[in-house]
PDB file of N, CA and C in Angstrom:
ATOM      1  N   MET A   1     -10.842  -5.207   6.590  1.00  0.00           N
ATOM      2  CA  MET A   1      -9.748  -6.027   7.003  1.00  0.00           C
ATOM      3  C   MET A   1      -8.497  -5.192   7.069  1.00  0.00           C
ATOM      4  N   LYS A   2      -7.601  -5.484   7.984  1.00  0.00           N
ATOM      5  CA  LYS A   2      -6.387  -4.723   8.135  1.00  0.00           C
ATOM      6  C   LYS A   2      -5.217  -5.568   7.447  1.00  0.00           C
ATOM      7  N   ILE A   3      -4.468  -4.905   6.604  1.00  0.00           N
ATOM      8  CA  ILE A   3      -3.358  -5.569   5.944  1.00  0.00           C
ATOM      9  C   ILE A   3      -2.092  -4.844   6.188  1.00  0.00           C
ATOM     10  N   LYS A   4      -0.947  -5.516   6.298  1.00  0.00           N
ATOM     11  CA  LYS A   4       0.385  -4.955   6.441  1.00  0.00           C
ATOM     12  C   LYS A   4       0.966  -4.914   5.068  1.00  0.00           C
ATOM     13  N   VAL A   5       1.655  -3.761   4.775  1.00  0.00           N
ATOM     14  CA  VAL A   5       2.262  -3.606   3.519  1.00  0.00           C
ATOM     15  C   VAL A   5       3.656  -3.085   3.620  1.00  0.00           C
ATOM     16  N   LYS A   6       4.671  -3.771   3.079  1.00  0.00           N
ATOM     17  CA  LYS A   6       5.986  -3.285   3.039  1.00  0.00           C
ATOM     18  C   LYS A   6       6.145  -2.452   1.702  1.00  0.00           C
ATOM     19  N   THR A   7       6.498  -1.171   1.814  1.00  0.00           N
ATOM     20  CA  THR A   7       6.540  -0.280   0.685  1.00  0.00           C
ATOM     21  C   THR A   7       7.937  -0.030   0.212  1.00  0.00           C
ATOM     22  N   THR A   8       8.124  -0.097  -1.130  1.00  0.00           N
ATOM     23  CA  THR A   8       9.410   0.233  -1.743  1.00  0.00           C
ATOM     24  C   THR A   8       9.125   1.429  -2.616  1.00  0.00           C
ATOM     25  N   PRO A   9       9.490   2.647  -2.224  1.00  0.00           N
ATOM     26  CA  PRO A   9       9.342   3.820  -3.136  1.00  0.00           C
ATOM     27  C   PRO A   9      10.465   3.930  -4.073  1.00  0.00           C
ATOM     28  N   ARG A  10      10.167   4.752  -5.118  1.00  0.00           N
ATOM     29  CA  ARG A  10      11.186   4.981  -6.147  1.00  0.00           C
ATOM     30  C   ARG A  10      11.660   3.665  -6.921  1.00  0.00           C
ATOM     31  N   SER A  11      10.697   2.747  -7.008  1.00  0.00           N
ATOM     32  CA  SER A  11      10.968   1.540  -7.716  1.00  0.00           C
ATOM     33  C   SER A  11      10.816   1.715  -9.188  1.00  0.00           C
ATOM     34  N   LYS A  12      11.499   0.929  -9.947  1.00  0.00           N
ATOM     35  CA  LYS A  12      11.396   1.032 -11.438  1.00  0.00           C
ATOM     36  C   LYS A  12      10.053   0.410 -11.924  1.00  0.00           C
ATOM     37  N   VAL A  13       9.563  -0.475 -11.175  1.00  0.00           N
ATOM     38  CA  VAL A  13       8.295  -1.126 -11.574  1.00  0.00           C
ATOM     39  C   VAL A  13       7.196  -0.746 -10.563  1.00  0.00           C
ATOM     40  N   VAL A  14       5.845  -0.834 -10.952  1.00  0.00           N
ATOM     41  CA  VAL A  14       4.783  -0.591 -10.031  1.00  0.00           C
ATOM     42  C   VAL A  14       4.076  -1.932  -9.942  1.00  0.00           C
ATOM     43  N   ARG A  15       4.117  -2.493  -8.745  1.00  0.00           N
ATOM     44  CA  ARG A  15       3.559  -3.816  -8.604  1.00  0.00           C
ATOM     45  C   ARG A  15       3.101  -4.013  -7.111  1.00  0.00           C
ATOM     46  N   LEU A  16       2.084  -4.833  -6.977  1.00  0.00           N
ATOM     47  CA  LEU A  16       1.663  -5.290  -5.613  1.00  0.00           C
ATOM     48  C   LEU A  16       1.808  -6.784  -5.568  1.00  0.00           C
ATOM     49  N   ASP A  17       2.629  -7.302  -4.755  1.00  0.00           N
ATOM     50  CA  ASP A  17       2.864  -8.756  -4.593  1.00  0.00           C
ATOM     51  C   ASP A  17       2.035  -9.259  -3.458  1.00  0.00           C
ATOM     52  N   GLU A  18       1.495 -10.447  -3.694  1.00  0.00           N
ATOM     53  CA  GLU A  18       0.710 -11.185  -2.699  1.00  0.00           C
ATOM     54  C   GLU A  18       1.480 -11.390  -1.481  1.00  0.00           C
ATOM     55  N   PRO A  19       0.845 -11.535  -0.278  1.00  0.00           N
ATOM     56  CA  PRO A  19       1.578 -11.669   0.999  1.00  0.00           C
ATOM     57  C   PRO A  19       2.365 -12.961   1.093  1.00  0.00           C
ATOM     58  N   GLY A  20       3.475 -12.866   1.748  1.00  0.00           N
ATOM     59  CA  GLY A  20       4.345 -14.038   1.876  1.00  0.00           C
ATOM     60  C   GLY A  20       3.924 -14.766   3.132  1.00  0.00           C
ATOM     61  N   PRO A  21       4.708 -15.680   3.581  1.00  0.00           N
ATOM     62  CA  PRO A  21       4.376 -16.546   4.813  1.00  0.00           C
ATOM     63  C   PRO A  21       4.122 -15.647   6.042  1.00  0.00           C
ATOM     64  N   ASP A  22       4.743 -14.477   6.079  1.00  0.00           N
ATOM     65  CA  ASP A  22       4.545 -13.580   7.214  1.00  0.00           C
ATOM     66  C   ASP A  22       3.242 -12.758   7.102  1.00  0.00           C
ATOM     67  N   GLY A  23       2.556 -12.880   6.000  1.00  0.00           N
ATOM     68  CA  GLY A  23       1.358 -12.144   5.814  1.00  0.00           C
ATOM     69  C   GLY A  23       1.516 -10.747   5.422  1.00  0.00           C
ATOM     70  N   VAL A  24       2.653 -10.325   5.061  1.00  0.00           N
ATOM     71  CA  VAL A  24       2.925  -8.939   4.653  1.00  0.00           C
ATOM     72  C   VAL A  24       2.958  -8.786   3.117  1.00  0.00           C
ATOM     73  N   TRP A  25       2.181  -7.894   2.565  1.00  0.00           N
ATOM     74  CA  TRP A  25       2.141  -7.631   1.149  1.00  0.00           C
ATOM     75  C   TRP A  25       3.324  -6.745   0.824  1.00  0.00           C
ATOM     76  N   GLN A  26       3.785  -6.756  -0.440  1.00  0.00           N
ATOM     77  CA  GLN A  26       4.928  -5.983  -0.860  1.00  0.00           C
ATOM     78  C   GLN A  26       4.364  -5.004  -2.054  1.00  0.00           C
ATOM     79  N   ALA A  27       4.544  -3.717  -1.814  1.00  0.00           N
ATOM     80  CA  ALA A  27       4.139  -2.763  -2.813  1.00  0.00           C
ATOM     81  C   ALA A  27       5.263  -1.979  -3.292  1.00  0.00           C
ATOM     82  N   ARG A  28       5.460  -2.007  -4.588  1.00  0.00           N
ATOM     83  CA  ARG A  28       6.563  -1.281  -5.234  1.00  0.00           C
ATOM     84  C   ARG A  28       5.917  -0.116  -6.037  1.00  0.00           C
ATOM     85  N   VAL A  29       6.386   1.122  -5.729  1.00  0.00           N
ATOM     86  CA  VAL A  29       5.786   2.289  -6.421  1.00  0.00           C
ATOM     87  C   VAL A  29       6.888   3.157  -6.912  1.00  0.00           C
ATOM     88  N   GLN A  30       6.600   3.954  -7.947  1.00  0.00           N
ATOM     89  CA  GLN A  30       7.605   4.843  -8.546  1.00  0.00           C
ATOM     90  C   GLN A  30       7.660   6.181  -7.721  1.00  0.00           C
ATOM     91  N   ALA A  31       6.605   6.477  -7.034  1.00  0.00           N
ATOM     92  CA  ALA A  31       6.503   7.750  -6.326  1.00  0.00           C
ATOM     93  C   ALA A  31       7.562   7.844  -5.263  1.00  0.00           C
ATOM     94  N   PRO A  32       8.162   9.035  -5.024  1.00  0.00           N
ATOM     95  CA  PRO A  32       9.070   9.198  -3.879  1.00  0.00           C
ATOM     96  C   PRO A  32       8.410   9.297  -2.600  1.00  0.00           C
ATOM     97  N   PRO A  33       9.130   9.046  -1.551  1.00  0.00           N
ATOM     98  CA  PRO A  33       8.508   9.115  -0.181  1.00  0.00           C
ATOM     99  C   PRO A  33       8.469  10.521   0.380  1.00  0.00           C
ATOM    100  N   VAL A  34       7.880  11.429  -0.450  1.00  0.00           N
ATOM    101  CA  VAL A  34       7.851  12.863  -0.108  1.00  0.00           C
ATOM    102  C   VAL A  34       6.369  13.371  -0.081  1.00  0.00           C
ATOM    103  N   ASP A  35       6.024  14.044   0.910  1.00  0.00           N
ATOM    104  CA  ASP A  35       4.686  14.612   0.948  1.00  0.00           C
ATOM    105  C   ASP A  35       3.603  13.618   0.811  1.00  0.00           C
ATOM    106  N   GLY A  36       3.824  12.416   1.243  1.00  0.00           N
ATOM    107  CA  GLY A  36       2.806  11.362   1.155  1.00  0.00           C
ATOM    108  C   GLY A  36       2.532  10.736  -0.198  1.00  0.00           C
ATOM    109  N   LYS A  37       3.354  11.102  -1.126  1.00  0.00           N
ATOM    110  CA  LYS A  37       3.125  10.635  -2.545  1.00  0.00           C
ATOM    111  C   LYS A  37       3.203   9.084  -2.667  1.00  0.00           C
ATOM    112  N   ALA A  38       4.112   8.505  -1.988  1.00  0.00           N
ATOM    113  CA  ALA A  38       4.309   7.073  -1.979  1.00  0.00           C
ATOM    114  C   ALA A  38       3.055   6.442  -1.347  1.00  0.00           C
ATOM    115  N   ASN A  39       2.562   6.977  -0.189  1.00  0.00           N
ATOM    116  CA  ASN A  39       1.379   6.463   0.395  1.00  0.00           C
ATOM    117  C   ASN A  39       0.204   6.548  -0.534  1.00  0.00           C
ATOM    118  N   GLU A  40       0.023   7.597  -1.243  1.00  0.00           N
ATOM    119  CA  GLU A  40      -1.090   7.717  -2.172  1.00  0.00           C
ATOM    120  C   GLU A  40      -0.955   6.682  -3.310  1.00  0.00           C
ATOM    121  N   ALA A  41       0.253   6.446  -3.782  1.00  0.00           N
ATOM    122  CA  ALA A  41       0.475   5.410  -4.825  1.00  0.00           C
ATOM    123  C   ALA A  41       0.138   4.029  -4.405  1.00  0.00           C
ATOM    124  N   VAL A  42       0.494   3.757  -3.135  1.00  0.00           N
ATOM    125  CA  VAL A  42       0.107   2.425  -2.540  1.00  0.00           C
ATOM    126  C   VAL A  42      -1.394   2.284  -2.333  1.00  0.00           C
ATOM    127  N   ILE A  43      -2.134   3.345  -1.978  1.00  0.00           N
ATOM    128  CA  ILE A  43      -3.497   3.265  -1.884  1.00  0.00           C
ATOM    129  C   ILE A  43      -4.151   3.056  -3.225  1.00  0.00           C
ATOM    130  N   ARG A  44      -3.561   3.646  -4.228  1.00  0.00           N
ATOM    131  CA  ARG A  44      -4.086   3.352  -5.674  1.00  0.00           C
ATOM    132  C   ARG A  44      -3.878   1.879  -5.993  1.00  0.00           C
ATOM    133  N   LEU A  45      -2.726   1.398  -5.686  1.00  0.00           N
ATOM    134  CA  LEU A  45      -2.507  -0.082  -5.999  1.00  0.00           C
ATOM    135  C   LEU A  45      -3.508  -0.966  -5.237  1.00  0.00           C
ATOM    136  N   LEU A  46      -3.764  -0.701  -3.965  1.00  0.00           N
ATOM    137  CA  LEU A  46      -4.664  -1.474  -3.174  1.00  0.00           C
ATOM    138  C   LEU A  46      -6.114  -1.306  -3.710  1.00  0.00           C
ATOM    139  N   SER A  47      -6.426  -0.080  -4.124  1.00  0.00           N
ATOM    140  CA  SER A  47      -7.721   0.143  -4.666  1.00  0.00           C
ATOM    141  C   SER A  47      -7.992  -0.676  -5.930  1.00  0.00           C
ATOM    142  N   ASP A  48      -7.038  -0.709  -6.805  1.00  0.00           N
ATOM    143  CA  ASP A  48      -7.155  -1.455  -8.023  1.00  0.00           C
ATOM    144  C   ASP A  48      -7.256  -3.012  -7.723  1.00  0.00           C
ATOM    145  N   HIS A  49      -6.410  -3.442  -6.775  1.00  0.00           N
ATOM    146  CA  HIS A  49      -6.309  -4.838  -6.519  1.00  0.00           C
ATOM    147  C   HIS A  49      -7.649  -5.333  -5.937  1.00  0.00           C
ATOM    148  N   PHE A  50      -8.089  -4.660  -4.829  1.00  0.00           N
ATOM    149  CA  PHE A  50      -9.323  -5.084  -4.114  1.00  0.00           C
ATOM    150  C   PHE A  50     -10.557  -4.650  -4.680  1.00  0.00           C
ATOM    151  N   GLY A  51     -10.569  -3.714  -5.683  1.00  0.00           N
ATOM    152  CA  GLY A  51     -11.762  -3.184  -6.288  1.00  0.00           C
ATOM    153  C   GLY A  51     -12.616  -2.399  -5.437  1.00  0.00           C
ATOM    154  N   VAL A  52     -11.976  -1.513  -4.628  1.00  0.00           N
ATOM    155  CA  VAL A  52     -12.751  -0.610  -3.725  1.00  0.00           C
ATOM    156  C   VAL A  52     -12.214   0.803  -4.038  1.00  0.00           C
ATOM    157  N   PRO A  53     -13.086   1.827  -3.775  1.00  0.00           N
ATOM    158  CA  PRO A  53     -12.665   3.121  -4.059  1.00  0.00           C
ATOM    159  C   PRO A  53     -11.479   3.569  -3.187  1.00  0.00           C
ATOM    160  N   LYS A  54     -10.670   4.459  -3.688  1.00  0.00           N
ATOM    161  CA  LYS A  54      -9.453   4.851  -2.950  1.00  0.00           C
ATOM    162  C   LYS A  54      -9.876   5.574  -1.632  1.00  0.00           C
ATOM    163  N   SER A  55     -11.002   6.265  -1.659  1.00  0.00           N
ATOM    164  CA  SER A  55     -11.438   6.997  -0.509  1.00  0.00           C
ATOM    165  C   SER A  55     -11.832   6.086   0.664  1.00  0.00           C
ATOM    166  N   ARG A  56     -12.066   4.827   0.461  1.00  0.00           N
ATOM    167  CA  ARG A  56     -12.508   3.866   1.433  1.00  0.00           C
ATOM    168  C   ARG A  56     -11.280   3.179   2.136  1.00  0.00           C
ATOM    169  N   ILE A  57     -10.097   3.358   1.628  1.00  0.00           N
ATOM    170  CA  ILE A  57      -8.899   2.831   2.108  1.00  0.00           C
ATOM    171  C   ILE A  57      -8.206   3.740   3.050  1.00  0.00           C
ATOM    172  N   THR A  58      -7.881   3.249   4.269  1.00  0.00           N
ATOM    173  CA  THR A  58      -7.272   4.175   5.284  1.00  0.00           C
ATOM    174  C   THR A  58      -5.966   3.683   5.714  1.00  0.00           C
ATOM    175  N   LEU A  59      -5.025   4.640   5.818  1.00  0.00           N
ATOM    176  CA  LEU A  59      -3.682   4.318   6.383  1.00  0.00           C
ATOM    177  C   LEU A  59      -3.840   4.388   7.853  1.00  0.00           C
ATOM    178  N   VAL A  60      -3.683   3.248   8.452  1.00  0.00           N
ATOM    179  CA  VAL A  60      -3.836   3.143   9.954  1.00  0.00           C
ATOM    180  C   VAL A  60      -2.558   3.551  10.747  1.00  0.00           C
ATOM    181  N   SER A  61      -1.449   2.988  10.253  1.00  0.00           N
ATOM    182  CA  SER A  61      -0.169   3.253  10.934  1.00  0.00           C
ATOM    183  C   SER A  61       0.925   3.136   9.913  1.00  0.00           C
ATOM    184  N   GLY A  62       2.101   3.792  10.284  1.00  0.00           N
ATOM    185  CA  GLY A  62       3.243   3.678   9.455  1.00  0.00           C
ATOM    186  C   GLY A  62       3.365   4.759   8.317  1.00  0.00           C
ATOM    187  N   GLU A  63       2.859   5.968   8.595  1.00  0.00           N
ATOM    188  CA  GLU A  63       2.873   6.988   7.552  1.00  0.00           C
ATOM    189  C   GLU A  63       4.244   7.275   7.071  1.00  0.00           C
ATOM    190  N   THR A  64       5.330   7.287   7.911  1.00  0.00           N
ATOM    191  CA  THR A  64       6.627   7.579   7.462  1.00  0.00           C
ATOM    192  C   THR A  64       7.527   6.335   7.465  1.00  0.00           C
ATOM    193  N   SER A  65       6.915   5.163   7.742  1.00  0.00           N
ATOM    194  CA  SER A  65       7.724   3.991   7.749  1.00  0.00           C
ATOM    195  C   SER A  65       7.510   3.179   6.497  1.00  0.00           C
ATOM    196  N   ARG A  66       8.426   2.187   6.201  1.00  0.00           N
ATOM    197  CA  ARG A  66       8.238   1.375   5.036  1.00  0.00           C
ATOM    198  C   ARG A  66       7.189   0.306   5.337  1.00  0.00           C
ATOM    199  N   LEU A  67       7.026  -0.091   6.575  1.00  0.00           N
ATOM    200  CA  LEU A  67       6.005  -1.019   6.913  1.00  0.00           C
ATOM    201  C   LEU A  67       4.770  -0.313   7.401  1.00  0.00           C
ATOM    202  N   LYS A  68       3.721  -0.443   6.646  1.00  0.00           N
ATOM    203  CA  LYS A  68       2.424   0.308   6.898  1.00  0.00           C
ATOM    204  C   LYS A  68       1.283  -0.680   7.165  1.00  0.00           C
ATOM    205  N   THR A  69       0.283  -0.196   7.780  1.00  0.00           N
ATOM    206  CA  THR A  69      -0.950  -1.003   8.004  1.00  0.00           C
ATOM    207  C   THR A  69      -2.059  -0.200   7.431  1.00  0.00           C
ATOM    208  N   PHE A  70      -2.888  -0.825   6.555  1.00  0.00           N
ATOM    209  CA  PHE A  70      -3.984  -0.206   5.851  1.00  0.00           C
ATOM    210  C   PHE A  70      -5.306  -0.907   6.314  1.00  0.00           C
ATOM    211  N   GLU A  71      -6.323  -0.165   6.339  1.00  0.00           N
ATOM    212  CA  GLU A  71      -7.708  -0.693   6.605  1.00  0.00           C
ATOM    213  C   GLU A  71      -8.354  -0.686   5.216  1.00  0.00           C
ATOM    214  N   VAL A  72      -8.717  -1.850   4.732  1.00  0.00           N
ATOM    215  CA  VAL A  72      -9.344  -2.070   3.429  1.00  0.00           C
ATOM    216  C   VAL A  72     -10.681  -2.732   3.610  1.00  0.00           C
ATOM    217  N   PRO A  73     -11.780  -2.059   3.218  1.00  0.00           N
ATOM    218  CA  PRO A  73     -13.137  -2.668   3.375  1.00  0.00           C
ATOM    219  C   PRO A  73     -13.318  -3.884   2.428  1.00  0.00           C
ATOM    220  N   GLU A  74     -13.968  -4.883   3.010  1.00  0.00           N
ATOM    221  CA  GLU A  74     -14.181  -6.122   2.214  1.00  0.00           C
ATOM    222  C   GLU A  74     -15.251  -5.808   1.072  1.00  0.00           C
ATOM    223  N   GLY A  75     -15.052  -6.440  -0.020  1.00  0.00           N
ATOM    224  CA  GLY A  75     -16.010  -6.308  -1.120  1.00  0.00           C
ATOM    225  C   GLY A  75     -15.592  -5.291  -2.065  1.00  0.00           C
TER     226      GLY A  75
END
């Protein structure tokens, strides 16, 4: 399934919030948006939440944007 995630890098808390009415998840990570570190942190959050290996989650679009789309396998 594809999910949209709004990312907040350099946050004081690490948290993944359920999607709002617009269907967009909110990911707060402590990692800075440098060299893909924030993207890696979001992938770790998604992996923990959905119970799938990090290697199975793919960043589809938004590599340098706050609004990203990820492909997360079901199950």
